[in-house]
Amino acid sequence: NDIVVSHLSLFKNIGLKPIILDYHGNAISKLMNFGELVNSTYINDST
């Protein structure tokens, strides 16, 4: 809880509107799935 609260408080303190708090593993997984080609190589059926 303290990690979540501290980041949301930071955003609000400087006038930003917090919408989402994500974590690294989820963010990179979404990006790799979204991209389809990494360095011009097809990856969507790869592990």
ModelCIF file with pLDDT and N, C-alpha, C, O atoms, coordinates in Angstrom:
data_MODEL
#
_entry.id   MODEL 
#
_entity.id                         1 
_entity.type                       polymer 
_entity.pdbx_number_of_molecules   1 
#
_entity_poly.entity_id                      1 
_entity_poly.type                           'polypeptide(L)' 
_entity_poly.nstd_linkage                   no 
_entity_poly.nstd_monomer                   no 
_entity_poly.pdbx_seq_one_letter_code       NDIVVSHLSLFKNIGLKPIILDYHGNAISKLMNFGELVNSTYINDST 
_entity_poly.pdbx_seq_one_letter_code_can   NDIVVSHLSLFKNIGLKPIILDYHGNAISKLMNFGELVNSTYINDST 
_entity_poly.pdbx_strand_id                 A 
#
loop_
_entity_poly_seq.entity_id 
_entity_poly_seq.num 
_entity_poly_seq.mon_id 
_entity_poly_seq.hetero 
1 1  ASN n 
1 2  ASP n 
1 3  ILE n 
1 4  VAL n 
1 5  VAL n 
1 6  SER n 
1 7  HIS n 
1 8  LEU n 
1 9  SER n 
1 10 LEU n 
1 11 PHE n 
1 12 LYS n 
1 13 ASN n 
1 14 ILE n 
1 15 GLY n 
1 16 LEU n 
1 17 LYS n 
1 18 PRO n 
1 19 ILE n 
1 20 ILE n 
1 21 LEU n 
1 22 ASP n 
1 23 TYR n 
1 24 HIS n 
1 25 GLY n 
1 26 ASN n 
1 27 ALA n 
1 28 ILE n 
1 29 SER n 
1 30 LYS n 
1 31 LEU n 
1 32 MET n 
1 33 ASN n 
1 34 PHE n 
1 35 GLY n 
1 36 GLU n 
1 37 LEU n 
1 38 VAL n 
1 39 ASN n 
1 40 SER n 
1 41 THR n 
1 42 TYR n 
1 43 ILE n 
1 44 ASN n 
1 45 ASP n 
1 46 SER n 
1 47 THR n 
#
_struct_asym.id          A 
_struct_asym.entity_id   1 
#
loop_
_ma_qa_metric.id 
_ma_qa_metric.mode 
_ma_qa_metric.name 
_ma_qa_metric.software_group_id 
_ma_qa_metric.type 
1 global pLDDT . pLDDT 
2 local  pLDDT . pLDDT 
#
_ma_qa_metric_global.metric_id      1 
_ma_qa_metric_global.metric_value   89.64 
_ma_qa_metric_global.model_id       1 
_ma_qa_metric_global.ordinal_id     1 
#
loop_
_ma_qa_metric_local.label_asym_id 
_ma_qa_metric_local.label_comp_id 
_ma_qa_metric_local.label_seq_id 
_ma_qa_metric_local.metric_id 
_ma_qa_metric_local.metric_value 
_ma_qa_metric_local.model_id 
_ma_qa_metric_local.ordinal_id 
A ASN 1  2 95.00 1 1  
A ASP 2  2 96.00 1 2  
A ILE 3  2 96.00 1 3  
A VAL 4  2 96.00 1 4  
A VAL 5  2 96.00 1 5  
A SER 6  2 96.00 1 6  
A HIS 7  2 97.00 1 7  
A LEU 8  2 96.00 1 8  
A SER 9  2 96.00 1 9  
A LEU 10 2 97.00 1 10 
A PHE 11 2 96.00 1 11 
A LYS 12 2 95.00 1 12 
A ASN 13 2 95.00 1 13 
A ILE 14 2 94.00 1 14 
A GLY 15 2 94.00 1 15 
A LEU 16 2 95.00 1 16 
A LYS 17 2 95.00 1 17 
A PRO 18 2 95.00 1 18 
A ILE 19 2 94.00 1 19 
A ILE 20 2 92.00 1 20 
A LEU 21 2 94.00 1 21 
A ASP 22 2 93.00 1 22 
A TYR 23 2 90.00 1 23 
A HIS 24 2 91.00 1 24 
A GLY 25 2 89.00 1 25 
A ASN 26 2 90.00 1 26 
A ALA 27 2 93.00 1 27 
A ILE 28 2 93.00 1 28 
A SER 29 2 90.00 1 29 
A LYS 30 2 91.00 1 30 
A LEU 31 2 93.00 1 31 
A MET 32 2 89.00 1 32 
A ASN 33 2 87.00 1 33 
A PHE 34 2 88.00 1 34 
A GLY 35 2 78.00 1 35 
A GLU 36 2 76.00 1 36 
A LEU 37 2 85.00 1 37 
A VAL 38 2 88.00 1 38 
A ASN 39 2 89.00 1 39 
A SER 40 2 79.00 1 40 
A THR 41 2 78.00 1 41 
A TYR 42 2 72.00 1 42 
A ILE 43 2 73.00 1 43 
A ASN 44 2 69.00 1 44 
A ASP 45 2 75.00 1 45 
A SER 46 2 84.00 1 46 
A THR 47 2 90.00 1 47 
#
loop_
_atom_site.group_PDB 
_atom_site.id 
_atom_site.type_symbol 
_atom_site.label_atom_id 
_atom_site.label_alt_id 
_atom_site.label_comp_id 
_atom_site.label_asym_id 
_atom_site.label_entity_id 
_atom_site.label_seq_id 
_atom_site.pdbx_PDB_ins_code 
_atom_site.Cartn_x 
_atom_site.Cartn_y 
_atom_site.Cartn_z 
_atom_site.occupancy 
_atom_site.B_iso_or_equiv 
_atom_site.pdbx_formal_charge 
_atom_site.auth_seq_id 
_atom_site.auth_comp_id 
_atom_site.auth_asym_id 
_atom_site.auth_atom_id 
_atom_site.pdbx_PDB_model_num 
ATOM 1   N N  . ASN A 1 1  ? 0.806  -1.216  0.000   1.00 95.00 ? 1  ASN A N  1 
ATOM 2   C CA . ASN A 1 1  ? 0.000  0.000   0.000   1.00 95.00 ? 1  ASN A CA 1 
ATOM 3   C C  . ASN A 1 1  ? 0.841  1.269   0.000   1.00 95.00 ? 1  ASN A C  1 
ATOM 4   O O  . ASN A 1 1  ? 0.509  2.237   -0.685  1.00 95.00 ? 1  ASN A O  1 
ATOM 5   N N  . ASP A 1 2  ? 1.935  1.268   0.770   1.00 96.00 ? 2  ASP A N  1 
ATOM 6   C CA . ASP A 1 2  ? 2.729  2.490   0.889   1.00 96.00 ? 2  ASP A CA 1 
ATOM 7   C C  . ASP A 1 2  ? 3.367  2.881   -0.443  1.00 96.00 ? 2  ASP A C  1 
ATOM 8   O O  . ASP A 1 2  ? 3.542  4.069   -0.715  1.00 96.00 ? 2  ASP A O  1 
ATOM 9   N N  . ILE A 1 3  ? 3.718  1.894   -1.282  1.00 96.00 ? 3  ILE A N  1 
ATOM 10  C CA . ILE A 1 3  ? 4.271  2.201   -2.602  1.00 96.00 ? 3  ILE A CA 1 
ATOM 11  C C  . ILE A 1 3  ? 3.204  2.850   -3.480  1.00 96.00 ? 3  ILE A C  1 
ATOM 12  O O  . ILE A 1 3  ? 3.463  3.851   -4.147  1.00 96.00 ? 3  ILE A O  1 
ATOM 13  N N  . VAL A 1 4  ? 2.009  2.276   -3.475  1.00 96.00 ? 4  VAL A N  1 
ATOM 14  C CA . VAL A 1 4  ? 0.918  2.829   -4.284  1.00 96.00 ? 4  VAL A CA 1 
ATOM 15  C C  . VAL A 1 4  ? 0.582  4.249   -3.844  1.00 96.00 ? 4  VAL A C  1 
ATOM 16  O O  . VAL A 1 4  ? 0.498  5.157   -4.671  1.00 96.00 ? 4  VAL A O  1 
ATOM 17  N N  . VAL A 1 5  ? 0.390  4.438   -2.543  1.00 96.00 ? 5  VAL A N  1 
ATOM 18  C CA . VAL A 1 5  ? -0.020 5.748   -2.018  1.00 96.00 ? 5  VAL A CA 1 
ATOM 19  C C  . VAL A 1 5  ? 1.036  6.803   -2.295  1.00 96.00 ? 5  VAL A C  1 
ATOM 20  O O  . VAL A 1 5  ? 0.692  7.928   -2.658  1.00 96.00 ? 5  VAL A O  1 
ATOM 21  N N  . SER A 1 6  ? 2.321  6.473   -2.135  1.00 96.00 ? 6  SER A N  1 
ATOM 22  C CA . SER A 1 6  ? 3.378  7.465   -2.317  1.00 96.00 ? 6  SER A CA 1 
ATOM 23  C C  . SER A 1 6  ? 3.450  7.961   -3.757  1.00 96.00 ? 6  SER A C  1 
ATOM 24  O O  . SER A 1 6  ? 3.667  9.152   -3.984  1.00 96.00 ? 6  SER A O  1 
ATOM 25  N N  . HIS A 1 7  ? 3.272  7.072   -4.737  1.00 97.00 ? 7  HIS A N  1 
ATOM 26  C CA . HIS A 1 7  ? 3.329  7.495   -6.135  1.00 97.00 ? 7  HIS A CA 1 
ATOM 27  C C  . HIS A 1 7  ? 2.105  8.326   -6.524  1.00 97.00 ? 7  HIS A C  1 
ATOM 28  O O  . HIS A 1 7  ? 2.228  9.335   -7.219  1.00 97.00 ? 7  HIS A O  1 
ATOM 29  N N  . LEU A 1 8  ? 0.932  7.899   -6.073  1.00 96.00 ? 8  LEU A N  1 
ATOM 30  C CA . LEU A 1 8  ? -0.268 8.666   -6.389  1.00 96.00 ? 8  LEU A CA 1 
ATOM 31  C C  . LEU A 1 8  ? -0.226 10.037  -5.716  1.00 96.00 ? 8  LEU A C  1 
ATOM 32  O O  . LEU A 1 8  ? -0.671 11.030  -6.292  1.00 96.00 ? 8  LEU A O  1 
ATOM 33  N N  . SER A 1 9  ? 0.304  10.088  -4.506  1.00 96.00 ? 9  SER A N  1 
ATOM 34  C CA . SER A 1 9  ? 0.434  11.371  -3.803  1.00 96.00 ? 9  SER A CA 1 
ATOM 35  C C  . SER A 1 9  ? 1.415  12.291  -4.525  1.00 96.00 ? 9  SER A C  1 
ATOM 36  O O  . SER A 1 9  ? 1.184  13.496  -4.622  1.00 96.00 ? 9  SER A O  1 
ATOM 37  N N  . LEU A 1 10 ? 2.512  11.722  -5.034  1.00 97.00 ? 10 LEU A N  1 
ATOM 38  C CA . LEU A 1 10 ? 3.490  12.512  -5.785  1.00 97.00 ? 10 LEU A CA 1 
ATOM 39  C C  . LEU A 1 10 ? 2.830  13.192  -6.976  1.00 97.00 ? 10 LEU A C  1 
ATOM 40  O O  . LEU A 1 10 ? 3.004  14.392  -7.190  1.00 97.00 ? 10 LEU A O  1 
ATOM 41  N N  . PHE A 1 11 ? 2.074  12.424  -7.746  1.00 96.00 ? 11 PHE A N  1 
ATOM 42  C CA . PHE A 1 11 ? 1.411  12.997  -8.919  1.00 96.00 ? 11 PHE A CA 1 
ATOM 43  C C  . PHE A 1 11 ? 0.484  14.142  -8.518  1.00 96.00 ? 11 PHE A C  1 
ATOM 44  O O  . PHE A 1 11 ? 0.509  15.216  -9.120  1.00 96.00 ? 11 PHE A O  1 
ATOM 45  N N  . LYS A 1 12 ? -0.324 13.900  -7.508  1.00 95.00 ? 12 LYS A N  1 
ATOM 46  C CA . LYS A 1 12 ? -1.290 14.922  -7.096  1.00 95.00 ? 12 LYS A CA 1 
ATOM 47  C C  . LYS A 1 12 ? -0.594 16.165  -6.548  1.00 95.00 ? 12 LYS A C  1 
ATOM 48  O O  . LYS A 1 12 ? -1.057 17.284  -6.770  1.00 95.00 ? 12 LYS A O  1 
ATOM 49  N N  . ASN A 1 13 ? 0.515  15.974  -5.835  1.00 95.00 ? 13 ASN A N  1 
ATOM 50  C CA . ASN A 1 13 ? 1.242  17.100  -5.230  1.00 95.00 ? 13 ASN A CA 1 
ATOM 51  C C  . ASN A 1 13 ? 1.779  18.078  -6.260  1.00 95.00 ? 13 ASN A C  1 
ATOM 52  O O  . ASN A 1 13 ? 1.924  19.266  -5.974  1.00 95.00 ? 13 ASN A O  1 
ATOM 53  N N  . ILE A 1 14 ? 2.079  17.579  -7.478  1.00 94.00 ? 14 ILE A N  1 
ATOM 54  C CA . ILE A 1 14 ? 2.665  18.463  -8.493  1.00 94.00 ? 14 ILE A CA 1 
ATOM 55  C C  . ILE A 1 14 ? 1.673  18.782  -9.612  1.00 94.00 ? 14 ILE A C  1 
ATOM 56  O O  . ILE A 1 14 ? 2.058  19.268  -10.675 1.00 94.00 ? 14 ILE A O  1 
ATOM 57  N N  . GLY A 1 15 ? 0.396  18.503  -9.361  1.00 94.00 ? 15 GLY A N  1 
ATOM 58  C CA . GLY A 1 15 ? -0.628 18.897  -10.306 1.00 94.00 ? 15 GLY A CA 1 
ATOM 59  C C  . GLY A 1 15 ? -0.878 17.940  -11.452 1.00 94.00 ? 15 GLY A C  1 
ATOM 60  O O  . GLY A 1 15 ? -1.533 18.306  -12.428 1.00 94.00 ? 15 GLY A O  1 
ATOM 61  N N  . LEU A 1 16 ? -0.368 16.712  -11.353 1.00 95.00 ? 16 LEU A N  1 
ATOM 62  C CA . LEU A 1 16 ? -0.659 15.703  -12.357 1.00 95.00 ? 16 LEU A CA 1 
ATOM 63  C C  . LEU A 1 16 ? -1.887 14.902  -11.938 1.00 95.00 ? 16 LEU A C  1 
ATOM 64  O O  . LEU A 1 16 ? -2.213 14.816  -10.754 1.00 95.00 ? 16 LEU A O  1 
ATOM 65  N N  . LYS A 1 17 ? -2.559 14.323  -12.919 1.00 95.00 ? 17 LYS A N  1 
ATOM 66  C CA . LYS A 1 17 ? -3.761 13.538  -12.653 1.00 95.00 ? 17 LYS A CA 1 
ATOM 67  C C  . LYS A 1 17 ? -3.428 12.052  -12.798 1.00 95.00 ? 17 LYS A C  1 
ATOM 68  O O  . LYS A 1 17 ? -3.301 11.555  -13.917 1.00 95.00 ? 17 LYS A O  1 
ATOM 69  N N  . PRO A 1 18 ? -3.286 11.340  -11.679 1.00 95.00 ? 18 PRO A N  1 
ATOM 70  C CA . PRO A 1 18 ? -2.942 9.915   -11.765 1.00 95.00 ? 18 PRO A CA 1 
ATOM 71  C C  . PRO A 1 18 ? -4.113 9.086   -12.288 1.00 95.00 ? 18 PRO A C  1 
ATOM 72  O O  . PRO A 1 18 ? -5.225 9.165   -11.767 1.00 95.00 ? 18 PRO A O  1 
ATOM 73  N N  . ILE A 1 19 ? -3.846 8.287   -13.330 1.00 94.00 ? 19 ILE A N  1 
ATOM 74  C CA . ILE A 1 19 ? -4.881 7.450   -13.935 1.00 94.00 ? 19 ILE A CA 1 
ATOM 75  C C  . ILE A 1 19 ? -4.578 5.969   -13.701 1.00 94.00 ? 19 ILE A C  1 
ATOM 76  O O  . ILE A 1 19 ? -5.450 5.205   -13.288 1.00 94.00 ? 19 ILE A O  1 
ATOM 77  N N  . ILE A 1 20 ? -3.347 5.580   -13.967 1.00 92.00 ? 20 ILE A N  1 
ATOM 78  C CA . ILE A 1 20 ? -2.948 4.176   -13.923 1.00 92.00 ? 20 ILE A CA 1 
ATOM 79  C C  . ILE A 1 20 ? -1.615 4.041   -13.198 1.00 92.00 ? 20 ILE A C  1 
ATOM 80  O O  . ILE A 1 20 ? -0.731 4.883   -13.354 1.00 92.00 ? 20 ILE A O  1 
ATOM 81  N N  . LEU A 1 21 ? -1.470 2.970   -12.398 1.00 94.00 ? 21 LEU A N  1 
ATOM 82  C CA . LEU A 1 21 ? -0.174 2.585   -11.851 1.00 94.00 ? 21 LEU A CA 1 
ATOM 83  C C  . LEU A 1 21 ? 0.081  1.152   -12.310 1.00 94.00 ? 21 LEU A C  1 
ATOM 84  O O  . LEU A 1 21 ? -0.598 0.219   -11.880 1.00 94.00 ? 21 LEU A O  1 
ATOM 85  N N  . ASP A 1 22 ? 1.058  0.995   -13.179 1.00 93.00 ? 22 ASP A N  1 
ATOM 86  C CA . ASP A 1 22 ? 1.365  -0.293  -13.802 1.00 93.00 ? 22 ASP A CA 1 
ATOM 87  C C  . ASP A 1 22 ? 2.673  -0.821  -13.220 1.00 93.00 ? 22 ASP A C  1 
ATOM 88  O O  . ASP A 1 22 ? 3.317  -0.141  -12.421 1.00 93.00 ? 22 ASP A O  1 
ATOM 89  N N  . TYR A 1 23 ? 3.070  -2.035  -13.620 1.00 90.00 ? 23 TYR A N  1 
ATOM 90  C CA . TYR A 1 23 ? 4.378  -2.535  -13.191 1.00 90.00 ? 23 TYR A CA 1 
ATOM 91  C C  . TYR A 1 23 ? 5.181  -2.992  -14.408 1.00 90.00 ? 23 TYR A C  1 
ATOM 92  O O  . TYR A 1 23 ? 4.620  -3.296  -15.460 1.00 90.00 ? 23 TYR A O  1 
ATOM 93  N N  . HIS A 1 24 ? 6.511  -3.036  -14.244 1.00 91.00 ? 24 HIS A N  1 
ATOM 94  C CA . HIS A 1 24 ? 7.429  -3.206  -15.364 1.00 91.00 ? 24 HIS A CA 1 
ATOM 95  C C  . HIS A 1 24 ? 7.119  -4.420  -16.221 1.00 91.00 ? 24 HIS A C  1 
ATOM 96  O O  . HIS A 1 24 ? 7.049  -4.313  -17.445 1.00 91.00 ? 24 HIS A O  1 
ATOM 97  N N  . GLY A 1 25 ? 6.933  -5.572  -15.592 1.00 89.00 ? 25 GLY A N  1 
ATOM 98  C CA . GLY A 1 25 ? 6.726  -6.802  -16.349 1.00 89.00 ? 25 GLY A CA 1 
ATOM 99  C C  . GLY A 1 25 ? 5.517  -6.717  -17.253 1.00 89.00 ? 25 GLY A C  1 
ATOM 100 O O  . GLY A 1 25 ? 5.558  -7.177  -18.395 1.00 89.00 ? 25 GLY A O  1 
ATOM 101 N N  . ASN A 1 26 ? 4.449  -6.137  -16.757 1.00 90.00 ? 26 ASN A N  1 
ATOM 102 C CA . ASN A 1 26 ? 3.232  -6.002  -17.549 1.00 90.00 ? 26 ASN A CA 1 
ATOM 103 C C  . ASN A 1 26 ? 3.427  -5.026  -18.702 1.00 90.00 ? 26 ASN A C  1 
ATOM 104 O O  . ASN A 1 26 ? 2.951  -5.273  -19.810 1.00 90.00 ? 26 ASN A O  1 
ATOM 105 N N  . ALA A 1 27 ? 4.130  -3.911  -18.449 1.00 93.00 ? 27 ALA A N  1 
ATOM 106 C CA . ALA A 1 27 ? 4.342  -2.898  -19.481 1.00 93.00 ? 27 ALA A CA 1 
ATOM 107 C C  . ALA A 1 27 ? 5.158  -3.443  -20.646 1.00 93.00 ? 27 ALA A C  1 
ATOM 108 O O  . ALA A 1 27 ? 4.805  -3.217  -21.803 1.00 93.00 ? 27 ALA A O  1 
ATOM 109 N N  . ILE A 1 28 ? 6.244  -4.156  -20.360 1.00 93.00 ? 28 ILE A N  1 
ATOM 110 C CA . ILE A 1 28 ? 7.084  -4.657  -21.448 1.00 93.00 ? 28 ILE A CA 1 
ATOM 111 C C  . ILE A 1 28 ? 6.398  -5.796  -22.183 1.00 93.00 ? 28 ILE A C  1 
ATOM 112 O O  . ILE A 1 28 ? 6.576  -5.944  -23.392 1.00 93.00 ? 28 ILE A O  1 
ATOM 113 N N  . SER A 1 29 ? 5.618  -6.604  -21.474 1.00 90.00 ? 29 SER A N  1 
ATOM 114 C CA . SER A 1 29 ? 4.890  -7.680  -22.135 1.00 90.00 ? 29 SER A CA 1 
ATOM 115 C C  . SER A 1 29 ? 3.881  -7.117  -23.127 1.00 90.00 ? 29 SER A C  1 
ATOM 116 O O  . SER A 1 29 ? 3.754  -7.633  -24.238 1.00 90.00 ? 29 SER A O  1 
ATOM 117 N N  . LYS A 1 30 ? 3.162  -6.065  -22.741 1.00 91.00 ? 30 LYS A N  1 
ATOM 118 C CA . LYS A 1 30 ? 2.195  -5.435  -23.635 1.00 91.00 ? 30 LYS A CA 1 
ATOM 119 C C  . LYS A 1 30 ? 2.880  -4.861  -24.863 1.00 91.00 ? 30 LYS A C  1 
ATOM 120 O O  . LYS A 1 30 ? 2.378  -4.983  -25.981 1.00 91.00 ? 30 LYS A O  1 
ATOM 121 N N  . LEU A 1 31 ? 4.037  -4.233  -24.648 1.00 93.00 ? 31 LEU A N  1 
ATOM 122 C CA . LEU A 1 31 ? 4.741  -3.614  -25.765 1.00 93.00 ? 31 LEU A CA 1 
ATOM 123 C C  . LEU A 1 31 ? 5.213  -4.662  -26.770 1.00 93.00 ? 31 LEU A C  1 
ATOM 124 O O  . LEU A 1 31 ? 5.071  -4.464  -27.977 1.00 93.00 ? 31 LEU A O  1 
ATOM 125 N N  . MET A 1 32 ? 5.770  -5.766  -26.295 1.00 89.00 ? 32 MET A N  1 
ATOM 126 C CA . MET A 1 32 ? 6.254  -6.804  -27.200 1.00 89.00 ? 32 MET A CA 1 
ATOM 127 C C  . MET A 1 32 ? 5.106  -7.427  -27.976 1.00 89.00 ? 32 MET A C  1 
ATOM 128 O O  . MET A 1 32 ? 5.251  -7.735  -29.159 1.00 89.00 ? 32 MET A O  1 
ATOM 129 N N  . ASN A 1 33 ? 3.976  -7.614  -27.327 1.00 87.00 ? 33 ASN A N  1 
ATOM 130 C CA . ASN A 1 33 ? 2.824  -8.181  -28.008 1.00 87.00 ? 33 ASN A CA 1 
ATOM 131 C C  . ASN A 1 33 ? 2.248  -7.206  -29.039 1.00 87.00 ? 33 ASN A C  1 
ATOM 132 O O  . ASN A 1 33 ? 1.784  -7.620  -30.101 1.00 87.00 ? 33 ASN A O  1 
ATOM 133 N N  . PHE A 1 34 ? 2.282  -5.930  -28.722 1.00 88.00 ? 34 PHE A N  1 
ATOM 134 C CA . PHE A 1 34 ? 1.721  -4.908  -29.586 1.00 88.00 ? 34 PHE A CA 1 
ATOM 135 C C  . PHE A 1 34 ? 2.571  -4.705  -30.841 1.00 88.00 ? 34 PHE A C  1 
ATOM 136 O O  . PHE A 1 34 ? 2.038  -4.434  -31.918 1.00 88.00 ? 34 PHE A O  1 
ATOM 137 N N  . GLY A 1 35 ? 3.883  -4.835  -30.703 1.00 78.00 ? 35 GLY A N  1 
ATOM 138 C CA . GLY A 1 35 ? 4.786  -4.451  -31.775 1.00 78.00 ? 35 GLY A CA 1 
ATOM 139 C C  . GLY A 1 35 ? 4.801  -5.356  -32.984 1.00 78.00 ? 35 GLY A C  1 
ATOM 140 O O  . GLY A 1 35 ? 5.034  -4.876  -34.093 1.00 78.00 ? 35 GLY A O  1 
ATOM 141 N N  . GLU A 1 36 ? 4.562  -6.657  -32.818 1.00 76.00 ? 36 GLU A N  1 
ATOM 142 C CA . GLU A 1 36 ? 4.540  -7.643  -33.898 1.00 76.00 ? 36 GLU A CA 1 
ATOM 143 C C  . GLU A 1 36 ? 5.914  -7.910  -34.490 1.00 76.00 ? 36 GLU A C  1 
ATOM 144 O O  . GLU A 1 36 ? 6.322  -9.067  -34.594 1.00 76.00 ? 36 GLU A O  1 
ATOM 145 N N  . LEU A 1 37 ? 6.639  -6.863  -34.882 1.00 85.00 ? 37 LEU A N  1 
ATOM 146 C CA . LEU A 1 37 ? 7.987  -7.021  -35.418 1.00 85.00 ? 37 LEU A CA 1 
ATOM 147 C C  . LEU A 1 37 ? 8.972  -6.322  -34.493 1.00 85.00 ? 37 LEU A C  1 
ATOM 148 O O  . LEU A 1 37 ? 8.834  -5.128  -34.230 1.00 85.00 ? 37 LEU A O  1 
ATOM 149 N N  . VAL A 1 38 ? 9.960  -7.052  -33.999 1.00 88.00 ? 38 VAL A N  1 
ATOM 150 C CA . VAL A 1 38 ? 11.032 -6.433  -33.228 1.00 88.00 ? 38 VAL A CA 1 
ATOM 151 C C  . VAL A 1 38 ? 12.294 -6.487  -34.082 1.00 88.00 ? 38 VAL A C  1 
ATOM 152 O O  . VAL A 1 38 ? 12.710 -7.556  -34.529 1.00 88.00 ? 38 VAL A O  1 
ATOM 153 N N  . ASN A 1 39 ? 12.894 -5.321  -34.301 1.00 89.00 ? 39 ASN A N  1 
ATOM 154 C CA . ASN A 1 39 ? 14.074 -5.227  -35.182 1.00 89.00 ? 39 ASN A CA 1 
ATOM 155 C C  . ASN A 1 39 ? 13.809 -5.926  -36.510 1.00 89.00 ? 39 ASN A C  1 
ATOM 156 O O  . ASN A 1 39 ? 14.684 -6.609  -37.043 1.00 89.00 ? 39 ASN A O  1 
ATOM 157 N N  . SER A 1 40 ? 12.598 -5.753  -37.043 1.00 79.00 ? 40 SER A N  1 
ATOM 158 C CA . SER A 1 40 ? 12.163 -6.304  -38.342 1.00 79.00 ? 40 SER A CA 1 
ATOM 159 C C  . SER A 1 40 ? 11.975 -7.816  -38.346 1.00 79.00 ? 40 SER A C  1 
ATOM 160 O O  . SER A 1 40 ? 11.848 -8.412  -39.416 1.00 79.00 ? 40 SER A O  1 
ATOM 161 N N  . THR A 1 41 ? 11.955 -8.453  -37.170 1.00 78.00 ? 41 THR A N  1 
ATOM 162 C CA . THR A 1 41 ? 11.737 -9.901  -37.074 1.00 78.00 ? 41 THR A CA 1 
ATOM 163 C C  . THR A 1 41 ? 10.373 -10.182 -36.474 1.00 78.00 ? 41 THR A C  1 
ATOM 164 O O  . THR A 1 41 ? 10.023 -9.611  -35.441 1.00 78.00 ? 41 THR A O  1 
ATOM 165 N N  . TYR A 1 42 ? 9.591  -11.060 -37.111 1.00 72.00 ? 42 TYR A N  1 
ATOM 166 C CA . TYR A 1 42 ? 8.253  -11.395 -36.606 1.00 72.00 ? 42 TYR A CA 1 
ATOM 167 C C  . TYR A 1 42 ? 8.376  -12.166 -35.298 1.00 72.00 ? 42 TYR A C  1 
ATOM 168 O O  . TYR A 1 42 ? 9.154  -13.117 -35.212 1.00 72.00 ? 42 TYR A O  1 
ATOM 169 N N  . ILE A 1 43 ? 7.614  -11.766 -34.276 1.00 73.00 ? 43 ILE A N  1 
ATOM 170 C CA . ILE A 1 43 ? 7.780  -12.361 -32.952 1.00 73.00 ? 43 ILE A CA 1 
ATOM 171 C C  . ILE A 1 43 ? 6.500  -12.887 -32.329 1.00 73.00 ? 43 ILE A C  1 
ATOM 172 O O  . ILE A 1 43 ? 6.562  -13.512 -31.270 1.00 73.00 ? 43 ILE A O  1 
ATOM 173 N N  . ASN A 1 44 ? 5.343  -12.664 -32.936 1.00 69.00 ? 44 ASN A N  1 
ATOM 174 C CA . ASN A 1 44 ? 4.085  -12.927 -32.240 1.00 69.00 ? 44 ASN A CA 1 
ATOM 175 C C  . ASN A 1 44 ? 3.815  -14.386 -31.940 1.00 69.00 ? 44 ASN A C  1 
ATOM 176 O O  . ASN A 1 44 ? 2.980  -14.687 -31.087 1.00 69.00 ? 44 ASN A O  1 
ATOM 177 N N  . ASP A 1 45 ? 4.495  -15.308 -32.616 1.00 75.00 ? 45 ASP A N  1 
ATOM 178 C CA . ASP A 1 45 ? 4.316  -16.720 -32.288 1.00 75.00 ? 45 ASP A CA 1 
ATOM 179 C C  . ASP A 1 45 ? 5.510  -17.267 -31.516 1.00 75.00 ? 45 ASP A C  1 
ATOM 180 O O  . ASP A 1 45 ? 5.689  -18.481 -31.418 1.00 75.00 ? 45 ASP A O  1 
ATOM 181 N N  . SER A 1 46 ? 6.328  -16.370 -30.966 1.00 84.00 ? 46 SER A N  1 
ATOM 182 C CA . SER A 1 46 ? 7.546  -16.775 -30.257 1.00 84.00 ? 46 SER A CA 1 
ATOM 183 C C  . SER A 1 46 ? 7.388  -16.637 -28.750 1.00 84.00 ? 46 SER A C  1 
ATOM 184 O O  . SER A 1 46 ? 6.555  -15.873 -28.261 1.00 84.00 ? 46 SER A O  1 
ATOM 185 N N  . THR A 1 47 ? 8.205  -17.392 -28.028 1.00 90.00 ? 47 THR A N  1 
ATOM 186 C CA . THR A 1 47 ? 8.334  -17.206 -26.591 1.00 90.00 ? 47 THR A CA 1 
ATOM 187 C C  . THR A 1 47 ? 9.580  -16.359 -26.355 1.00 90.00 ? 47 THR A C  1 
ATOM 188 O O  . THR A 1 47 ? 9.914  -16.057 -25.210 1.00 90.00 ? 47 THR A O  1 
#
